[in-house]
C-alpha atoms as a PDB file:
ATOM      1  CA  UNK A   1     -79.251  94.625-196.385  1.00  0.00           C
ATOM      2  CA  UNK A   2     -79.542  97.387-193.837  1.00  0.00           C
ATOM      3  CA  UNK A   3     -78.243 100.847-194.635  1.00  0.00           C
ATOM      4  CA  UNK A   4     -76.307 101.027-191.389  1.00  0.00           C
ATOM      5  CA  UNK A   5     -72.674 101.689-190.764  1.00  0.00           C
ATOM      6  CA  UNK A   6     -70.535  99.257-188.819  1.00  0.00           C
ATOM      7  CA  UNK A   7     -68.963 100.546-185.628  1.00  0.00           C
ATOM      8  CA  UNK A   8     -65.569  99.251-184.569  1.00  0.00           C
ATOM      9  CA  UNK A   9     -63.215 100.402-181.830  1.00  0.00           C
ATOM     10  CA  UNK A  10     -61.599 103.174-183.872  1.00  0.00           C
ATOM     11  CA  UNK A  11     -63.674 103.367-187.034  1.00  0.00           C
ATOM     12  CA  UNK A  12     -67.195 103.776-188.313  1.00  0.00           C
ATOM     13  CA  UNK A  13     -68.352 102.994-191.832  1.00  0.00           C
ATOM     14  CA  UNK A  14     -69.019 100.307-194.372  1.00  0.00           C
ATOM     15  CA  UNK A  15     -66.946  99.506-197.458  1.00  0.00           C
ATOM     16  CA  UNK A  16     -68.892  97.938-200.323  1.00  0.00           C
ATOM     17  CA  UNK A  17     -67.551  96.995-203.750  1.00  0.00           C
ATOM     18  CA  UNK A  18     -68.910  95.836-207.085  1.00  0.00           C
ATOM     19  CA  UNK A  19     -66.557  93.160-208.455  1.00  0.00           C
ATOM     20  CA  UNK A  20     -66.370  91.415-211.827  1.00  0.00           C
ATOM     21  CA  UNK A  21     -63.922  88.838-213.155  1.00  0.00           C
ATOM     22  CA  UNK A  22     -63.741  86.311-216.001  1.00  0.00           C
ATOM     23  CA  UNK A  23     -62.681  82.743-216.560  1.00  0.00           C
ATOM     24  CA  UNK A  24     -59.309  82.232-218.200  1.00  0.00           C
ATOM     25  CA  UNK A  25     -59.546  82.455-222.002  1.00  0.00           C
ATOM     26  CA  UNK A  26     -63.241  83.335-221.537  1.00  0.00           C
ATOM     27  CA  UNK A  27     -64.159  79.644-221.620  1.00  0.00           C
ATOM     28  CA  UNK A  28     -67.859  79.189-220.896  1.00  0.00           C
ATOM     29  CA  UNK A  29     -67.325  76.948-217.880  1.00  0.00           C
ATOM     30  CA  UNK A  30     -70.607  77.704-216.120  1.00  0.00           C
ATOM     31  CA  UNK A  31     -73.206  76.995-218.796  1.00  0.00           C
ATOM     32  CA  UNK A  32     -74.590  74.066-216.830  1.00  0.00           C
ATOM     33  CA  UNK A  33     -76.770  74.847-213.838  1.00  0.00           C
ATOM     34  CA  UNK A  34     -74.779  72.329-211.764  1.00  0.00           C
ATOM     35  CA  UNK A  35     -71.487  74.162-212.341  1.00  0.00           C
ATOM     36  CA  UNK A  36     -73.055  77.572-211.679  1.00  0.00           C
ATOM     37  CA  UNK A  37     -74.319  76.329-208.344  1.00  0.00           C
ATOM     38  CA  UNK A  38     -70.934  74.818-207.535  1.00  0.00           C
ATOM     39  CA  UNK A  39     -68.948  77.982-208.286  1.00  0.00           C
ATOM     40  CA  UNK A  40     -71.523  80.091-206.423  1.00  0.00           C
ATOM     41  CA  UNK A  41     -71.067  77.874-203.371  1.00  0.00           C
ATOM     42  CA  UNK A  42     -67.273  78.040-203.735  1.00  0.00           C
ATOM     43  CA  UNK A  43     -67.268  81.841-203.931  1.00  0.00           C
ATOM     44  CA  UNK A  44     -69.654  82.124-200.969  1.00  0.00           C
ATOM     45  CA  UNK A  45     -67.440  79.744-198.961  1.00  0.00           C
ATOM     46  CA  UNK A  46     -64.346  81.803-199.778  1.00  0.00           C
ATOM     47  CA  UNK A  47     -66.193  84.929-198.669  1.00  0.00           C
ATOM     48  CA  UNK A  48     -67.359  83.509-195.344  1.00  0.00           C
ATOM     49  CA  UNK A  49     -63.867  82.231-194.531  1.00  0.00           C
ATOM     50  CA  UNK A  50     -62.559  85.813-194.633  1.00  0.00           C
ATOM     51  CA  UNK A  51     -65.522  87.789-193.243  1.00  0.00           C
ATOM     52  CA  UNK A  52     -66.548  89.105-196.646  1.00  0.00           C
ATOM     53  CA  UNK A  53     -70.306  89.684-196.775  1.00  0.00           C
ATOM     54  CA  UNK A  54     -71.826  88.677-200.120  1.00  0.00           C
ATOM     55  CA  UNK A  55     -74.673  91.118-200.854  1.00  0.00           C
ATOM     56  CA  UNK A  56     -75.437  90.029-204.411  1.00  0.00           C
ATOM     57  CA  UNK A  57     -73.876  87.481-206.767  1.00  0.00           C
ATOM     58  CA  UNK A  58     -74.541  86.524-210.377  1.00  0.00           C
ATOM     59  CA  UNK A  59     -72.668  83.847-212.287  1.00  0.00           C
ATOM     60  CA  UNK A  60     -72.622  84.152-216.080  1.00  0.00           C
ATOM     61  CA  UNK A  61     -71.333  81.410-218.370  1.00  0.00           C
ATOM     62  CA  UNK A  62     -67.850  82.969-218.486  1.00  0.00           C
ATOM     63  CA  UNK A  63     -67.753  85.705-215.816  1.00  0.00           C
ATOM     64  CA  UNK A  64     -68.896  86.653-212.318  1.00  0.00           C
ATOM     65  CA  UNK A  65     -70.606  89.784-210.973  1.00  0.00           C
ATOM     66  CA  UNK A  66     -70.878  90.351-207.245  1.00  0.00           C
ATOM     67  CA  UNK A  67     -71.446  93.078-204.687  1.00  0.00           C
ATOM     68  CA  UNK A  68     -69.615  92.582-201.396  1.00  0.00           C
ATOM     69  CA  UNK A  69     -69.129  94.343-198.084  1.00  0.00           C
ATOM     70  CA  UNK A  70     -65.657  94.053-196.552  1.00  0.00           C
ATOM     71  CA  UNK A  71     -63.672  95.148-193.529  1.00  0.00           C
ATOM     72  CA  UNK A  72     -61.610  98.336-193.777  1.00  0.00           C
ATOM     73  CA  UNK A  73     -58.416  96.308-193.540  1.00  0.00           C
ATOM     74  CA  UNK A  74     -58.974  94.723-196.972  1.00  0.00           C
ATOM     75  CA  UNK A  75     -57.963  96.318-200.243  1.00  0.00           C
ATOM     76  CA  UNK A  76     -59.879  95.603-203.445  1.00  0.00           C
ATOM     77  CA  UNK A  77     -57.013  93.536-204.833  1.00  0.00           C
ATOM     78  CA  UNK A  78     -56.831  91.462-201.623  1.00  0.00           C
ATOM     79  CA  UNK A  79     -60.570  90.747-201.743  1.00  0.00           C
ATOM     80  CA  UNK A  80     -60.311  89.605-205.365  1.00  0.00           C
ATOM     81  CA  UNK A  81     -57.219  87.523-204.591  1.00  0.00           C
ATOM     82  CA  UNK A  82     -59.067  85.718-201.794  1.00  0.00           C
ATOM     83  CA  UNK A  83     -62.309  85.164-203.716  1.00  0.00           C
ATOM     84  CA  UNK A  84     -60.660  84.070-206.968  1.00  0.00           C
ATOM     85  CA  UNK A  85     -57.950  81.926-205.392  1.00  0.00           C
ATOM     86  CA  UNK A  86     -60.008  80.012-202.865  1.00  0.00           C
ATOM     87  CA  UNK A  87     -63.011  79.583-205.180  1.00  0.00           C
ATOM     88  CA  UNK A  88     -60.773  78.131-207.923  1.00  0.00           C
ATOM     89  CA  UNK A  89     -59.156  75.720-205.468  1.00  0.00           C
ATOM     90  CA  UNK A  90     -62.543  74.542-204.167  1.00  0.00           C
ATOM     91  CA  UNK A  91     -64.004  74.302-207.687  1.00  0.00           C
ATOM     92  CA  UNK A  92     -61.203  72.003-208.838  1.00  0.00           C
ATOM     93  CA  UNK A  93     -61.560  69.871-205.702  1.00  0.00           C
ATOM     94  CA  UNK A  94     -65.244  69.224-206.393  1.00  0.00           C
ATOM     95  CA  UNK A  95     -65.120  69.164-210.201  1.00  0.00           C
ATOM     96  CA  UNK A  96     -62.140  66.992-211.174  1.00  0.00           C
ATOM     97  CA  UNK A  97     -62.866  67.097-214.928  1.00  0.00           C
ATOM     98  CA  UNK A  98     -62.282  70.861-215.002  1.00  0.00           C
ATOM     99  CA  UNK A  99     -58.567  70.056-214.784  1.00  0.00           C
ATOM    100  CA  UNK A 100     -58.791  68.800-218.381  1.00  0.00           C
ATOM    101  CA  UNK A 101     -59.590  72.347-219.507  1.00  0.00           C
ATOM    102  CA  UNK A 102     -57.249  74.023-217.008  1.00  0.00           C
ATOM    103  CA  UNK A 103     -54.367  71.593-216.314  1.00  0.00           C
ATOM    104  CA  UNK A 104     -52.387  74.173-214.322  1.00  0.00           C
ATOM    105  CA  UNK A 105     -55.333  75.032-212.090  1.00  0.00           C
ATOM    106  CA  UNK A 106     -55.782  78.634-213.265  1.00  0.00           C
ATOM    107  CA  UNK A 107     -59.574  79.002-213.476  1.00  0.00           C
ATOM    108  CA  UNK A 108     -59.720  82.801-213.489  1.00  0.00           C
ATOM    109  CA  UNK A 109     -58.044  85.300-215.809  1.00  0.00           C
ATOM    110  CA  UNK A 110     -55.847  88.096-214.494  1.00  0.00           C
ATOM    111  CA  UNK A 111     -58.390  90.753-215.495  1.00  0.00           C
ATOM    112  CA  UNK A 112     -60.825  92.282-213.062  1.00  0.00           C
ATOM    113  CA  UNK A 113     -63.202  95.192-212.470  1.00  0.00           C
ATOM    114  CA  UNK A 114     -63.717  96.911-209.123  1.00  0.00           C
ATOM    115  CA  UNK A 115     -65.918  99.837-208.221  1.00  0.00           C
ATOM    116  CA  UNK A 116     -66.734 101.201-204.787  1.00  0.00           C
ATOM    117  CA  UNK A 117     -70.418 101.369-203.924  1.00  0.00           C
ATOM    118  CA  UNK A 118     -72.219 103.565-201.391  1.00  0.00           C
ATOM    119  CA  UNK A 119     -75.682 103.194-199.907  1.00  0.00           C
ATOM    120  CA  UNK A 120     -77.037 105.634-202.501  1.00  0.00           C
ATOM    121  CA  UNK A 121     -75.720 103.503-205.398  1.00  0.00           C
ATOM    122  CA  UNK A 122     -76.313 100.089-203.808  1.00  0.00           C
ATOM    123  CA  UNK A 123     -79.802  99.578-205.222  1.00  0.00           C
ATOM    124  CA  UNK A 124     -78.672 100.642-208.707  1.00  0.00           C
ATOM    125  CA  UNK A 125     -75.754  98.206-208.685  1.00  0.00           C
ATOM    126  CA  UNK A 126     -77.933  95.387-207.331  1.00  0.00           C
ATOM    127  CA  UNK A 127     -80.414  95.999-210.159  1.00  0.00           C
ATOM    128  CA  UNK A 128     -77.552  95.931-212.679  1.00  0.00           C
ATOM    129  CA  UNK A 129     -76.414  92.545-211.363  1.00  0.00           C
ATOM    130  CA  UNK A 130     -80.005  91.237-211.344  1.00  0.00           C
ATOM    131  CA  UNK A 131     -80.598  92.404-214.924  1.00  0.00           C
ATOM    132  CA  UNK A 132     -77.711  90.176-215.964  1.00  0.00           C
ATOM    133  CA  UNK A 133     -79.522  87.271-214.277  1.00  0.00           C
ATOM    134  CA  UNK A 134     -82.643  88.014-216.346  1.00  0.00           C
ATOM    135  CA  UNK A 135     -80.641  88.267-219.569  1.00  0.00           C
ATOM    136  CA  UNK A 136     -78.862  85.010-218.800  1.00  0.00           C
ATOM    137  CA  UNK A 137     -82.129  83.228-218.043  1.00  0.00           C
ATOM    138  CA  UNK A 138     -83.613  84.497-221.313  1.00  0.00           C
ATOM    139  CA  UNK A 139     -80.472  83.496-223.248  1.00  0.00           C
ATOM    140  CA  UNK A 140     -80.424  80.044-221.603  1.00  0.00           C
ATOM    141  CA  UNK A 141     -84.032  79.420-222.653  1.00  0.00           C
ATOM    142  CA  UNK A 142     -83.196  80.432-226.219  1.00  0.00           C
ATOM    143  CA  UNK A 143     -80.054  78.274-226.137  1.00  0.00           C
ATOM    144  CA  UNK A 144     -82.109  75.245-225.056  1.00  0.00           C
ATOM    145  CA  UNK A 145     -84.649  75.826-227.857  1.00  0.00           C
ATOM    146  CA  UNK A 146     -81.970  76.092-230.549  1.00  0.00           C
END
């Protein structure tokens, strides 16, 4: 990730956000490595469809952390709407049994967290997201042992 601003016809800058959201009812849908990979691919696909650059992503068993770079025309709520909506649709297309848990097709809860990130804070936020990966890996190893 380069610390460079994007230049457009009438604007210069880069808008980056730290996003978090949870599964509905905090169900631990992504305990299995297969489902984590699937939802990661679904979120990345949703991002590329709408020119959202995924800088960092971490999938926990019941929530998602990610750092994204977006165009100035997007609001935080629009970015979350696109990522959550399209990723849920794709997830249910590829994982039919998930409909047993969520018969109405609502994978994600209404709650969310958004924070703007600058180049100065980017490394700190990326480390925060990575630390969650380490904690999850450690917890998964303990979960397998027990």
